Amino acid sequence: MNAGVQNLVISLVAMQVARKIPFEDPDVLTYVRVGYVVSQVIILAVYYYVSLAIKRKNDQTVLKYVEPASPMSQEPGQLITTTVRDYDLSETSKLLRSVYMGIAMMGVMHIYFKFTQPLFIQALMGIKNLYDAKPVAIHILGQPAVGDLKRPFKAASMFGPATSPQTDAAAIAEAEKRVGKKEE
């Protein structure tokens, strides 16, 4: 089952469970708040540890790929040349930004709008997303970087096929020619 569908199913089940939780009770609400904060701290600590593991490993293998073009753009994809270390660090940075955005949105929803159910749901979803994160799978769970974990990672899509960067020699050569023409 695709990760987007899993997230949807887990969210729906968590919503049904959250309906049974008496959030009006201050003690229960405190436990849910603590649970949310603890889950977010665990997630941030794991991503920090992943970034340390990436820096410690210091894999300087060159990684070349053609980034897929924007669906609304007529321009072809852009050639990216980086190292495995830098690529993994940038992917971890993207994951951290999404965690920070989630915390900010949850802060607004809970503090300003007084929503309580999303605290419970997001605590569960954060841990599930941590398990699904590809840098975590490679650097903490020790899975080999093959298949879905092969760099560059495919961008997951809930509807339709995942968009993946082009890594074949022909696409890279064509992108290098375009870059050479632009420089002249």
N, C-alpha and C. Protein backbone atom coordinates (compact mmCIF):
# COMPACT_ATOMS: atom_id res chain seq x y z
N MET A 1 0.86 -1.18 0.00
CA MET A 1 0.00 0.00 0.00
C MET A 1 0.90 1.24 0.00
N ASN A 2 0.54 2.20 -0.80
CA ASN A 2 1.29 3.44 -0.95
C ASN A 2 1.21 4.27 0.33
N ALA A 3 2.28 5.04 0.61
CA ALA A 3 2.38 5.79 1.88
C ALA A 3 1.25 6.81 2.04
N GLY A 4 0.83 7.43 0.94
CA GLY A 4 -0.26 8.40 1.02
C GLY A 4 -1.56 7.76 1.44
N VAL A 5 -1.83 6.59 0.92
CA VAL A 5 -3.05 5.86 1.29
C VAL A 5 -2.96 5.40 2.75
N GLN A 6 -1.77 4.95 3.15
CA GLN A 6 -1.58 4.55 4.55
C GLN A 6 -1.83 5.73 5.48
N ASN A 7 -1.32 6.91 5.11
CA ASN A 7 -1.55 8.10 5.93
C ASN A 7 -3.03 8.41 6.04
N LEU A 8 -3.75 8.28 4.94
CA LEU A 8 -5.18 8.54 4.95
C LEU A 8 -5.91 7.56 5.86
N VAL A 9 -5.58 6.29 5.76
CA VAL A 9 -6.23 5.27 6.58
C VAL A 9 -5.92 5.50 8.06
N ILE A 10 -4.65 5.77 8.37
CA ILE A 10 -4.27 6.00 9.77
C ILE A 10 -4.98 7.24 10.30
N SER A 11 -5.07 8.30 9.48
CA SER A 11 -5.76 9.52 9.91
C SER A 11 -7.23 9.24 10.23
N LEU A 12 -7.88 8.50 9.35
CA LEU A 12 -9.30 8.20 9.57
C LEU A 12 -9.51 7.36 10.83
N VAL A 13 -8.67 6.36 11.04
CA VAL A 13 -8.78 5.53 12.24
C VAL A 13 -8.47 6.38 13.48
N ALA A 14 -7.43 7.21 13.40
CA ALA A 14 -7.08 8.06 14.54
C ALA A 14 -8.20 9.05 14.86
N MET A 15 -8.88 9.55 13.84
CA MET A 15 -10.01 10.46 14.09
C MET A 15 -11.13 9.76 14.83
N GLN A 16 -11.39 8.52 14.46
CA GLN A 16 -12.44 7.77 15.14
C GLN A 16 -12.06 7.49 16.59
N VAL A 17 -10.79 7.17 16.82
CA VAL A 17 -10.32 6.94 18.19
C VAL A 17 -10.37 8.25 18.98
N ALA A 18 -9.98 9.37 18.33
CA ALA A 18 -9.95 10.67 19.01
C ALA A 18 -11.35 11.12 19.42
N ARG A 19 -12.36 10.68 18.69
CA ARG A 19 -13.73 11.04 19.07
C ARG A 19 -14.12 10.44 20.41
N LYS A 20 -13.48 9.34 20.79
CA LYS A 20 -13.79 8.65 22.05
C LYS A 20 -13.02 9.22 23.24
N ILE A 21 -12.02 10.04 22.96
CA ILE A 21 -11.18 10.58 24.04
C ILE A 21 -11.87 11.81 24.64
N PRO A 22 -12.02 11.85 25.97
CA PRO A 22 -12.68 13.00 26.61
C PRO A 22 -11.72 14.19 26.77
N PHE A 23 -11.60 15.00 25.72
CA PHE A 23 -10.68 16.13 25.74
C PHE A 23 -11.14 17.25 26.68
N GLU A 24 -12.38 17.18 27.15
CA GLU A 24 -12.88 18.21 28.08
C GLU A 24 -12.21 18.08 29.45
N ASP A 25 -11.78 16.86 29.78
CA ASP A 25 -11.10 16.60 31.04
C ASP A 25 -9.69 17.22 30.97
N PRO A 26 -9.37 18.15 31.88
CA PRO A 26 -8.05 18.81 31.82
C PRO A 26 -6.87 17.85 31.95
N ASP A 27 -7.03 16.78 32.72
CA ASP A 27 -5.94 15.82 32.85
C ASP A 27 -5.66 15.10 31.53
N VAL A 28 -6.74 14.69 30.86
CA VAL A 28 -6.60 14.01 29.57
C VAL A 28 -5.96 14.95 28.55
N LEU A 29 -6.42 16.20 28.53
CA LEU A 29 -5.87 17.18 27.61
C LEU A 29 -4.38 17.41 27.88
N THR A 30 -3.99 17.44 29.13
CA THR A 30 -2.58 17.61 29.47
C THR A 30 -1.76 16.42 28.97
N TYR A 31 -2.28 15.20 29.15
CA TYR A 31 -1.57 14.01 28.67
C TYR A 31 -1.43 14.03 27.14
N VAL A 32 -2.47 14.46 26.45
CA VAL A 32 -2.40 14.52 24.98
C VAL A 32 -1.38 15.58 24.55
N ARG A 33 -1.37 16.72 25.22
CA ARG A 33 -0.39 17.77 24.91
C ARG A 33 1.03 17.25 25.14
N VAL A 34 1.24 16.59 26.28
CA VAL A 34 2.57 16.05 26.58
C VAL A 34 2.95 15.00 25.54
N GLY A 35 2.00 14.15 25.16
CA GLY A 35 2.26 13.14 24.14
C GLY A 35 2.65 13.76 22.81
N TYR A 36 1.97 14.84 22.43
CA TYR A 36 2.29 15.52 21.18
C TYR A 36 3.70 16.12 21.24
N VAL A 37 4.00 16.80 22.34
CA VAL A 37 5.32 17.44 22.48
C VAL A 37 6.42 16.37 22.49
N VAL A 38 6.20 15.29 23.20
CA VAL A 38 7.20 14.22 23.26
C VAL A 38 7.41 13.61 21.87
N SER A 39 6.33 13.38 21.14
CA SER A 39 6.49 12.80 19.80
C SER A 39 7.26 13.75 18.89
N GLN A 40 7.00 15.05 18.98
CA GLN A 40 7.72 16.01 18.14
C GLN A 40 9.20 16.11 18.53
N VAL A 41 9.48 16.03 19.82
CA VAL A 41 10.87 16.06 20.27
C VAL A 41 11.60 14.81 19.79
N ILE A 42 10.95 13.66 19.84
CA ILE A 42 11.56 12.42 19.34
C ILE A 42 11.85 12.55 17.85
N ILE A 43 10.90 13.07 17.10
CA ILE A 43 11.08 13.22 15.65
C ILE A 43 12.25 14.15 15.35
N LEU A 44 12.30 15.29 16.02
CA LEU A 44 13.40 16.24 15.79
C LEU A 44 14.74 15.63 16.20
N ALA A 45 14.77 14.87 17.29
CA ALA A 45 16.01 14.23 17.73
C ALA A 45 16.47 13.18 16.73
N VAL A 46 15.54 12.42 16.19
CA VAL A 46 15.91 11.40 15.20
C VAL A 46 16.46 12.05 13.94
N TYR A 47 15.83 13.11 13.46
CA TYR A 47 16.34 13.80 12.26
C TYR A 47 17.71 14.42 12.53
N TYR A 48 17.92 14.94 13.73
CA TYR A 48 19.23 15.47 14.09
C TYR A 48 20.27 14.34 14.08
N TYR A 49 19.91 13.20 14.63
CA TYR A 49 20.81 12.05 14.64
C TYR A 49 21.11 11.58 13.21
N VAL A 50 20.10 11.59 12.35
CA VAL A 50 20.30 11.20 10.95
C VAL A 50 21.30 12.15 10.29
N SER A 51 21.15 13.45 10.53
CA SER A 51 22.09 14.39 9.92
C SER A 51 23.51 14.17 10.46
N LEU A 52 23.65 13.84 11.73
CA LEU A 52 24.98 13.52 12.27
C LEU A 52 25.54 12.25 11.62
N ALA A 53 24.68 11.24 11.42
CA ALA A 53 25.13 10.00 10.79
C ALA A 53 25.57 10.26 9.35
N ILE A 54 24.86 11.12 8.64
CA ILE A 54 25.22 11.45 7.26
C ILE A 54 26.57 12.15 7.24
N LYS A 55 26.76 13.11 8.14
CA LYS A 55 28.04 13.84 8.19
C LYS A 55 29.18 12.92 8.60
N ARG A 56 28.91 12.00 9.50
CA ARG A 56 29.94 11.06 9.94
C ARG A 56 30.34 10.12 8.79
N LYS A 57 29.36 9.67 8.04
CA LYS A 57 29.62 8.77 6.92
C LYS A 57 30.39 9.50 5.82
N ASN A 58 30.03 10.76 5.54
CA ASN A 58 30.70 11.63 4.58
C ASN A 58 30.89 10.96 3.21
N ASP A 59 29.81 10.44 2.64
CA ASP A 59 29.85 9.77 1.35
C ASP A 59 29.95 10.82 0.24
N GLN A 60 31.12 10.90 -0.39
CA GLN A 60 31.37 11.91 -1.43
C GLN A 60 31.14 11.38 -2.84
N THR A 61 30.38 10.30 -2.97
CA THR A 61 30.05 9.76 -4.28
C THR A 61 29.23 10.80 -5.05
N VAL A 62 29.63 11.05 -6.30
CA VAL A 62 28.94 12.05 -7.12
C VAL A 62 27.59 11.50 -7.57
N LEU A 63 26.59 12.34 -7.48
CA LEU A 63 25.23 11.97 -7.86
C LEU A 63 24.75 12.98 -8.90
N LYS A 64 24.47 12.50 -10.11
CA LYS A 64 23.97 13.37 -11.18
C LYS A 64 22.58 12.90 -11.57
N TYR A 65 21.68 13.86 -11.71
CA TYR A 65 20.33 13.54 -12.15
C TYR A 65 19.68 14.77 -12.74
N VAL A 66 18.61 14.55 -13.49
CA VAL A 66 17.84 15.64 -14.06
C VAL A 66 16.56 15.75 -13.25
N GLU A 67 16.42 16.89 -12.59
CA GLU A 67 15.24 17.13 -11.76
C GLU A 67 14.02 17.25 -12.65
N PRO A 68 12.90 16.61 -12.30
CA PRO A 68 11.71 16.72 -13.16
C PRO A 68 11.21 18.16 -13.21
N ALA A 69 10.76 18.55 -14.39
CA ALA A 69 10.25 19.90 -14.58
C ALA A 69 8.91 20.05 -13.86
N SER A 70 8.58 21.26 -13.55
CA SER A 70 7.29 21.57 -12.93
C SER A 70 6.19 21.20 -13.92
N PRO A 71 5.08 20.64 -13.45
CA PRO A 71 4.01 20.24 -14.37
C PRO A 71 3.45 21.42 -15.19
N MET A 72 3.50 22.62 -14.66
CA MET A 72 2.97 23.79 -15.35
C MET A 72 4.00 24.44 -16.27
N SER A 73 5.24 24.00 -16.19
CA SER A 73 6.32 24.62 -16.94
C SER A 73 6.55 23.91 -18.26
N GLN A 74 6.94 24.68 -19.27
CA GLN A 74 7.28 24.10 -20.57
C GLN A 74 8.77 23.78 -20.66
N GLU A 75 9.54 24.27 -19.71
CA GLU A 75 10.97 24.06 -19.72
C GLU A 75 11.31 22.65 -19.29
N PRO A 76 12.41 22.09 -19.85
CA PRO A 76 12.84 20.75 -19.42
C PRO A 76 13.44 20.82 -18.03
N GLY A 77 13.64 19.65 -17.45
CA GLY A 77 14.19 19.58 -16.10
C GLY A 77 15.61 20.12 -16.03
N GLN A 78 16.04 20.43 -14.82
CA GLN A 78 17.34 21.03 -14.59
C GLN A 78 18.34 19.95 -14.16
N LEU A 79 19.58 20.04 -14.65
CA LEU A 79 20.63 19.10 -14.28
C LEU A 79 21.13 19.43 -12.87
N ILE A 80 21.19 18.44 -12.02
CA ILE A 80 21.69 18.60 -10.65
C ILE A 80 22.90 17.69 -10.49
N THR A 81 24.01 18.28 -10.03
CA THR A 81 25.21 17.50 -9.71
C THR A 81 25.54 17.77 -8.25
N THR A 82 25.55 16.72 -7.46
CA THR A 82 25.79 16.86 -6.02
C THR A 82 26.49 15.60 -5.52
N THR A 83 26.68 15.50 -4.23
CA THR A 83 27.22 14.28 -3.63
C THR A 83 26.11 13.60 -2.84
N VAL A 84 26.32 12.35 -2.53
CA VAL A 84 25.33 11.61 -1.75
C VAL A 84 25.15 12.28 -0.39
N ARG A 85 26.25 12.73 0.20
CA ARG A 85 26.19 13.41 1.51
C ARG A 85 25.31 14.65 1.43
N ASP A 86 25.57 15.50 0.45
CA ASP A 86 24.80 16.74 0.32
C ASP A 86 23.35 16.47 -0.02
N TYR A 87 23.11 15.45 -0.85
CA TYR A 87 21.73 15.10 -1.22
C TYR A 87 20.96 14.63 0.01
N ASP A 88 21.57 13.74 0.79
CA ASP A 88 20.90 13.22 1.99
C ASP A 88 20.66 14.33 3.01
N LEU A 89 21.63 15.24 3.16
CA LEU A 89 21.44 16.35 4.09
C LEU A 89 20.31 17.27 3.62
N SER A 90 20.20 17.50 2.31
CA SER A 90 19.12 18.36 1.82
C SER A 90 17.76 17.67 2.01
N GLU A 91 17.71 16.37 1.82
CA GLU A 91 16.45 15.64 2.04
C GLU A 91 16.06 15.67 3.53
N THR A 92 17.04 15.52 4.40
CA THR A 92 16.77 15.60 5.84
C THR A 92 16.31 17.01 6.22
N SER A 93 16.91 18.01 5.59
CA SER A 93 16.50 19.40 5.83
C SER A 93 15.05 19.62 5.41
N LYS A 94 14.65 19.04 4.29
CA LYS A 94 13.25 19.15 3.84
C LYS A 94 12.31 18.51 4.87
N LEU A 95 12.72 17.36 5.39
CA LEU A 95 11.90 16.68 6.40
C LEU A 95 11.78 17.53 7.66
N LEU A 96 12.88 18.15 8.08
CA LEU A 96 12.85 19.02 9.26
C LEU A 96 11.92 20.22 9.03
N ARG A 97 12.00 20.82 7.84
CA ARG A 97 11.11 21.95 7.54
C ARG A 97 9.65 21.55 7.61
N SER A 98 9.34 20.34 7.14
CA SER A 98 7.94 19.90 7.20
C SER A 98 7.51 19.68 8.66
N VAL A 99 8.41 19.22 9.51
CA VAL A 99 8.09 19.06 10.93
C VAL A 99 7.84 20.42 11.56
N TYR A 100 8.72 21.39 11.27
CA TYR A 100 8.55 22.74 11.82
C TYR A 100 7.23 23.37 11.36
N MET A 101 6.88 23.17 10.09
CA MET A 101 5.61 23.71 9.58
C MET A 101 4.43 23.05 10.29
N GLY A 102 4.52 21.75 10.50
CA GLY A 102 3.46 21.05 11.21
C GLY A 102 3.30 21.53 12.64
N ILE A 103 4.42 21.78 13.31
CA ILE A 103 4.37 22.30 14.67
C ILE A 103 3.74 23.69 14.69
N ALA A 104 4.12 24.53 13.74
CA ALA A 104 3.56 25.88 13.67
C ALA A 104 2.05 25.83 13.41
N MET A 105 1.64 25.00 12.45
CA MET A 105 0.20 24.88 12.15
C MET A 105 -0.56 24.33 13.34
N MET A 106 0.02 23.36 14.03
CA MET A 106 -0.64 22.78 15.18
C MET A 106 -0.73 23.80 16.31
N GLY A 107 0.30 24.61 16.45
CA GLY A 107 0.25 25.67 17.46
C GLY A 107 -0.89 26.63 17.21
N VAL A 108 -1.07 27.04 15.96
CA VAL A 108 -2.17 27.94 15.62
C VAL A 108 -3.51 27.25 15.84
N MET A 109 -3.63 26.01 15.37
CA MET A 109 -4.90 25.30 15.50
C MET A 109 -5.28 25.06 16.96
N HIS A 110 -4.28 24.74 17.79
CA HIS A 110 -4.60 24.41 19.17
C HIS A 110 -4.71 25.65 20.06
N ILE A 111 -3.76 26.54 19.93
CA ILE A 111 -3.75 27.71 20.82
C ILE A 111 -4.79 28.75 20.39
N TYR A 112 -4.85 29.03 19.10
CA TYR A 112 -5.74 30.09 18.63
C TYR A 112 -7.18 29.60 18.43
N PHE A 113 -7.32 28.45 17.74
CA PHE A 113 -8.66 27.94 17.44
C PHE A 113 -9.18 26.93 18.46
N LYS A 114 -8.36 26.53 19.41
CA LYS A 114 -8.74 25.61 20.48
C LYS A 114 -9.13 24.20 20.00
N PHE A 115 -8.55 23.74 18.87
CA PHE A 115 -8.78 22.38 18.41
C PHE A 115 -7.89 21.44 19.22
N THR A 116 -8.45 20.32 19.65
CA THR A 116 -7.66 19.39 20.46
C THR A 116 -7.43 18.05 19.77
N GLN A 117 -8.37 17.58 18.97
CA GLN A 117 -8.21 16.29 18.30
C GLN A 117 -6.97 16.22 17.42
N PRO A 118 -6.64 17.29 16.68
CA PRO A 118 -5.44 17.20 15.83
C PRO A 118 -4.14 16.94 16.58
N LEU A 119 -4.08 17.31 17.85
CA LEU A 119 -2.88 17.00 18.63
C LEU A 119 -2.63 15.50 18.68
N PHE A 120 -3.68 14.76 18.96
CA PHE A 120 -3.59 13.30 19.04
C PHE A 120 -3.24 12.71 17.68
N ILE A 121 -3.93 13.16 16.64
CA ILE A 121 -3.72 12.62 15.29
C ILE A 121 -2.31 12.94 14.79
N GLN A 122 -1.86 14.17 14.98
CA GLN A 122 -0.54 14.55 14.48
C GLN A 122 0.59 13.89 15.26
N ALA A 123 0.37 13.57 16.51
CA ALA A 123 1.39 12.83 17.26
C ALA A 123 1.59 11.46 16.62
N LEU A 124 0.50 10.80 16.25
CA LEU A 124 0.60 9.48 15.59
C LEU A 124 1.18 9.60 14.19
N MET A 125 0.71 10.58 13.43
CA MET A 125 1.15 10.73 12.04
C MET A 125 2.64 11.11 11.97
N GLY A 126 3.10 11.89 12.93
CA GLY A 126 4.51 12.27 12.94
C GLY A 126 5.42 11.06 13.09
N ILE A 127 5.05 10.16 14.00
CA ILE A 127 5.85 8.94 14.20
C ILE A 127 5.79 8.06 12.96
N LYS A 128 4.61 7.97 12.34
CA LYS A 128 4.48 7.16 11.12
C LYS A 128 5.31 7.76 9.99
N ASN A 129 5.31 9.08 9.84
CA ASN A 129 6.10 9.73 8.80
C ASN A 129 7.59 9.57 9.06
N LEU A 130 7.97 9.53 10.33
CA LEU A 130 9.37 9.30 10.68
C LEU A 130 9.79 7.91 10.19
N TYR A 131 8.95 6.93 10.39
CA TYR A 131 9.25 5.57 9.94
C TYR A 131 9.33 5.51 8.41
N ASP A 132 8.52 6.31 7.72
CA ASP A 132 8.51 6.30 6.25
C ASP A 132 9.63 7.12 5.62
N ALA A 133 10.31 7.95 6.40
CA ALA A 133 11.35 8.82 5.84
C ALA A 133 12.51 7.99 5.29
N LYS A 134 12.89 8.28 4.06
CA LYS A 134 13.92 7.49 3.39
C LYS A 134 15.30 7.67 4.02
N PRO A 135 15.71 8.88 4.43
CA PRO A 135 17.01 8.97 5.11
C PRO A 135 17.05 8.18 6.42
N VAL A 136 15.94 8.11 7.11
CA VAL A 136 15.87 7.32 8.35
C VAL A 136 16.03 5.83 8.02
N ALA A 137 15.37 5.39 6.96
CA ALA A 137 15.46 3.98 6.57
C ALA A 137 16.90 3.60 6.21
N ILE A 138 17.60 4.50 5.54
CA ILE A 138 18.97 4.20 5.11
C ILE A 138 19.96 4.32 6.27
N HIS A 139 19.91 5.43 6.99
CA HIS A 139 20.97 5.72 7.96
C HIS A 139 20.71 5.20 9.37
N ILE A 140 19.46 4.91 9.73
CA ILE A 140 19.20 4.40 11.08
C ILE A 140 18.76 2.93 11.02
N LEU A 141 17.82 2.63 10.13
CA LEU A 141 17.34 1.26 10.03
C LEU A 141 18.30 0.37 9.26
N GLY A 142 19.29 0.98 8.59
CA GLY A 142 20.33 0.22 7.90
C GLY A 142 19.89 -0.48 6.62
N GLN A 143 18.81 -0.01 6.01
CA GLN A 143 18.36 -0.62 4.76
C GLN A 143 19.27 -0.17 3.62
N PRO A 144 19.53 -1.06 2.66
CA PRO A 144 20.39 -0.67 1.53
C PRO A 144 19.67 0.33 0.62
N ALA A 145 20.44 1.18 -0.03
CA ALA A 145 19.89 2.22 -0.89
C ALA A 145 19.59 1.66 -2.29
N VAL A 146 18.65 0.73 -2.35
CA VAL A 146 18.23 0.14 -3.61
C VAL A 146 16.70 0.20 -3.70
N GLY A 147 16.18 0.06 -4.89
CA GLY A 147 14.72 0.11 -5.07
C GLY A 147 14.18 1.49 -4.78
N ASP A 148 13.18 1.58 -3.90
CA ASP A 148 12.59 2.87 -3.54
C ASP A 148 13.56 3.78 -2.79
N LEU A 149 14.58 3.19 -2.19
CA LEU A 149 15.55 3.98 -1.43
C LEU A 149 16.75 4.42 -2.26
N LYS A 150 16.73 4.11 -3.56
CA LYS A 150 17.83 4.50 -4.45
C LYS A 150 17.78 6.01 -4.65
N ARG A 151 18.94 6.63 -4.56
CA ARG A 151 19.02 8.07 -4.75
C ARG A 151 19.09 8.38 -6.23
N PRO A 152 18.52 9.45 -6.71
CA PRO A 152 17.63 10.39 -6.04
C PRO A 152 16.28 9.74 -5.77
N PHE A 153 15.68 10.11 -4.65
CA PHE A 153 14.42 9.52 -4.24
C PHE A 153 13.28 9.95 -5.15
N LYS A 154 12.34 9.04 -5.34
CA LYS A 154 11.13 9.38 -6.11
C LYS A 154 10.21 10.20 -5.21
N ALA A 155 9.60 11.22 -5.79
CA ALA A 155 8.64 12.03 -5.03
C ALA A 155 7.33 11.26 -4.97
N ALA A 156 6.87 10.98 -3.77
CA ALA A 156 5.64 10.21 -3.59
C ALA A 156 4.44 11.02 -4.05
N SER A 157 3.48 10.32 -4.63
CA SER A 157 2.26 10.95 -5.09
C SER A 157 1.09 10.10 -4.64
N MET A 158 0.08 10.75 -4.09
CA MET A 158 -1.07 10.00 -3.60
C MET A 158 -1.93 9.52 -4.76
N PHE A 159 -2.00 10.33 -5.79
CA PHE A 159 -2.81 9.98 -6.96
C PHE A 159 -1.88 9.84 -8.16
N GLY A 160 -1.76 8.64 -8.67
CA GLY A 160 -0.94 8.42 -9.86
C GLY A 160 0.47 8.01 -9.51
N PRO A 161 1.30 7.88 -10.55
CA PRO A 161 2.66 7.40 -10.34
C PRO A 161 3.54 8.45 -9.67
N ALA A 162 4.54 7.96 -8.98
CA ALA A 162 5.49 8.86 -8.33
C ALA A 162 6.37 9.51 -9.40
N THR A 163 6.67 10.78 -9.24
CA THR A 163 7.55 11.46 -10.17
C THR A 163 8.98 11.23 -9.71
N SER A 164 9.80 10.78 -10.65
CA SER A 164 11.17 10.49 -10.27
C SER A 164 12.13 11.27 -11.14
N PRO A 165 13.24 11.69 -10.56
CA PRO A 165 14.27 12.35 -11.35
C PRO A 165 14.86 11.37 -12.35
N GLN A 166 15.30 11.89 -13.48
CA GLN A 166 15.88 11.04 -14.51
C GLN A 166 17.35 10.84 -14.21
N THR A 167 17.77 9.58 -14.19
CA THR A 167 19.16 9.27 -13.89
C THR A 167 19.85 8.57 -15.05
N ASP A 168 19.14 8.37 -16.16
CA ASP A 168 19.74 7.66 -17.27
C ASP A 168 20.76 8.58 -17.97
N ALA A 169 21.75 7.95 -18.62
CA ALA A 169 22.86 8.69 -19.24
C ALA A 169 22.38 9.64 -20.34
N ALA A 170 21.37 9.23 -21.10
CA ALA A 170 20.88 10.07 -22.20
C ALA A 170 20.27 11.37 -21.68
N ALA A 171 19.47 11.29 -20.63
CA ALA A 171 18.83 12.48 -20.07
C ALA A 171 19.87 13.41 -19.45
N ILE A 172 20.89 12.84 -18.80
CA ILE A 172 21.94 13.65 -18.20
C ILE A 172 22.76 14.34 -19.29
N ALA A 173 23.09 13.60 -20.36
CA ALA A 173 23.87 14.18 -21.47
C ALA A 173 23.10 15.32 -22.12
N GLU A 174 21.80 15.14 -22.34
CA GLU A 174 20.98 16.18 -22.95
C GLU A 174 20.93 17.42 -22.06
N ALA A 175 20.79 17.23 -20.76
CA ALA A 175 20.76 18.36 -19.84
C ALA A 175 22.11 19.07 -19.80
N GLU A 176 23.21 18.31 -19.88
CA GLU A 176 24.54 18.93 -19.91
C GLU A 176 24.71 19.77 -21.17
N LYS A 177 24.15 19.30 -22.31
CA LYS A 177 24.22 20.08 -23.56
C LYS A 177 23.46 21.39 -23.40
N ARG A 178 22.28 21.33 -22.77
CA ARG A 178 21.48 22.55 -22.57
C ARG A 178 22.23 23.54 -21.68
N VAL A 179 22.89 23.02 -20.65
CA VAL A 179 23.65 23.89 -19.75
C VAL A 179 24.81 24.52 -20.51
N GLY A 180 25.48 23.73 -21.36
CA GLY A 180 26.60 24.24 -22.16
C GLY A 180 26.16 25.33 -23.12
N LYS A 181 24.97 25.19 -23.74
CA LYS A 181 24.45 26.20 -24.67
C LYS A 181 24.12 27.49 -23.93
N LYS A 182 23.58 27.38 -22.72
CA LYS A 182 23.21 28.57 -21.95
C LYS A 182 24.44 29.37 -21.55
N GLU A 183 25.55 28.65 -21.26
CA GLU A 183 26.76 29.33 -20.84
C GLU A 183 27.41 30.11 -21.97
N GLU A 184 27.21 29.68 -23.22
CA GLU A 184 27.84 30.35 -24.38
C GLU A 184 27.14 31.58 -24.74
